[in-house]
C-alpha atoms as a PDB file:
ATOM      1  CA  MET A   1     -93.450 -49.067  44.436  1.00  0.00           C
ATOM      2  CA  GLY A   2     -96.278 -47.145  46.106  1.00  0.00           C
ATOM      3  CA  MET A   3     -99.744 -47.721  44.735  1.00  0.00           C
ATOM      4  CA  THR A   4     -98.721 -48.973  41.294  1.00  0.00           C
ATOM      5  CA  ALA A   5     -99.085 -52.683  42.081  1.00  0.00           C
ATOM      6  CA  PRO A   6    -102.545 -52.346  43.678  1.00  0.00           C
ATOM      7  CA  ALA A   7    -103.659 -50.154  40.769  1.00  0.00           C
ATOM      8  CA  ILE A   8    -102.503 -52.781  38.243  1.00  0.00           C
ATOM      9  CA  LEU A   9    -104.248 -55.519  40.244  1.00  0.00           C
ATOM     10  CA  PHE A  10    -107.479 -53.501  40.315  1.00  0.00           C
ATOM     11  CA  LEU A  11    -107.333 -52.809  36.579  1.00  0.00           C
ATOM     12  CA  GLU A  12    -106.640 -56.460  35.752  1.00  0.00           C
ATOM     13  CA  THR A  13    -109.638 -57.460  37.862  1.00  0.00           C
ATOM     14  CA  TYR A  14    -111.772 -54.678  36.383  1.00  0.00           C
ATOM     15  CA  LYS A  15    -111.135 -55.514  32.709  1.00  0.00           C
ATOM     16  CA  PRO A  16    -114.227 -57.723  32.216  1.00  0.00           C
ATOM     17  CA  LEU A  17    -116.432 -54.980  33.671  1.00  0.00           C
ATOM     18  CA  ALA A  18    -114.793 -52.045  31.904  1.00  0.00           C
ATOM     19  CA  PHE A  19    -117.691 -51.370  29.554  1.00  0.00           C
ATOM     20  CA  LEU A  20    -120.252 -51.387  32.373  1.00  0.00           C
ATOM     21  CA  GLY A  21    -118.044 -49.116  34.450  1.00  0.00           C
ATOM     22  CA  ALA A  22    -117.774 -46.694  31.539  1.00  0.00           C
ATOM     23  CA  GLN A  23    -121.548 -46.677  31.149  1.00  0.00           C
ATOM     24  CA  PHE A  24    -121.872 -45.835  34.841  1.00  0.00           C
ATOM     25  CA  LEU A  25    -119.365 -42.994  34.389  1.00  0.00           C
ATOM     26  CA  TRP A  26    -121.425 -41.617  31.483  1.00  0.00           C
ATOM     27  CA  PHE A  27    -124.515 -41.767  33.705  1.00  0.00           C
ATOM     28  CA  ALA A  28    -122.767 -40.155  36.689  1.00  0.00           C
ATOM     29  CA  GLN A  29    -120.867 -37.559  34.647  1.00  0.00           C
ATOM     30  CA  PRO A  30    -123.123 -34.604  35.569  1.00  0.00           C
ATOM     31  CA  PHE A  31    -122.516 -35.314  39.257  1.00  0.00           C
ATOM     32  CA  LEU A  32    -118.812 -36.040  38.838  1.00  0.00           C
ATOM     33  CA  ASN A  33    -118.365 -32.741  37.025  1.00  0.00           C
ATOM     34  CA  LEU A  34    -119.213 -30.956  40.274  1.00  0.00           C
ATOM     35  CA  GLY A  35    -115.934 -32.142  41.805  1.00  0.00           C
ATOM     36  CA  PHE A  36    -113.755 -32.969  38.810  1.00  0.00           C
ATOM     37  CA  ASN A  37    -112.813 -31.325  35.536  1.00  0.00           C
ATOM     38  CA  GLN A  38    -115.324 -32.200  32.796  1.00  0.00           C
ATOM     39  CA  ALA A  39    -112.600 -33.034  30.253  1.00  0.00           C
ATOM     40  CA  ASP A  40    -110.833 -35.344  32.732  1.00  0.00           C
ATOM     41  CA  VAL A  41    -114.039 -37.284  33.455  1.00  0.00           C
ATOM     42  CA  ARG A  42    -114.763 -37.598  29.725  1.00  0.00           C
ATOM     43  CA  ASP A  43    -111.214 -38.757  28.966  1.00  0.00           C
ATOM     44  CA  LEU A  44    -111.334 -41.363  31.748  1.00  0.00           C
ATOM     45  CA  THR A  45    -114.685 -42.627  30.496  1.00  0.00           C
ATOM     46  CA  LEU A  46    -113.421 -42.940  26.939  1.00  0.00           C
ATOM     47  CA  LEU A  47    -110.288 -44.699  28.177  1.00  0.00           C
ATOM     48  CA  VAL A  48    -112.090 -47.390  30.187  1.00  0.00           C
ATOM     49  CA  GLU A  49    -114.915 -47.828  27.680  1.00  0.00           C
ATOM     50  CA  ASP A  50    -112.685 -50.009  25.506  1.00  0.00           C
ATOM     51  CA  ARG A  51    -110.682 -52.968  26.782  1.00  0.00           C
ATOM     52  CA  ALA A  52    -107.700 -51.800  24.730  1.00  0.00           C
ATOM     53  CA  GLY A  53    -107.724 -48.555  26.718  1.00  0.00           C
ATOM     54  CA  VAL A  54    -107.519 -50.485  29.984  1.00  0.00           C
ATOM     55  CA  GLU A  55    -104.663 -52.559  28.549  1.00  0.00           C
ATOM     56  CA  GLU A  56    -102.843 -49.366  27.553  1.00  0.00           C
ATOM     57  CA  LEU A  57    -103.272 -47.938  31.048  1.00  0.00           C
ATOM     58  CA  ILE A  58    -101.879 -51.138  32.593  1.00  0.00           C
ATOM     59  CA  ALA A  59     -98.912 -51.064  30.187  1.00  0.00           C
ATOM     60  CA  ARG A  60     -98.158 -47.452  31.147  1.00  0.00           C
ATOM     61  CA  LEU A  61     -98.323 -48.265  34.846  1.00  0.00           C
ATOM     62  CA  GLU A  62     -96.014 -51.252  34.370  1.00  0.00           C
ATOM     63  CA  GLY A  63     -93.628 -49.022  32.419  1.00  0.00           C
ATOM     64  CA  LEU A  64     -93.576 -46.500  35.263  1.00  0.00           C
ATOM     65  CA  GLN A  65     -92.942 -49.300  37.737  1.00  0.00           C
ATOM     66  CA  THR A  66     -89.949 -50.633  35.774  1.00  0.00           C
ATOM     67  CA  ASP A  67     -88.533 -47.118  35.290  1.00  0.00           C
ATOM     68  CA  LYS A  68     -88.465 -46.564  39.044  1.00  0.00           C
ATOM     69  CA  ALA A  69     -86.797 -49.910  39.750  1.00  0.00           C
END
C-alpha cells in the first residue's frame, strides 16, 4: 500500500484549493526550477490548476492501488 492512501487523502482534501495551489506554483516556479526540472514543474502546475486534473491523478493512484492488491 505504501504512500498511495495518504496521497489520495491529501489530494481529496486539496481539491477545493487546487486553483490557489497552482497559482502559488506559478509564482514559485523560478525558485522551484533551481531544484526540479522546469518541464516537470510546469506539468504539475497545469495538472493541479484544473479540478479535473486532480480527479484524474486520484483515479490513477486508485488504479495503481487496485493493481497491486
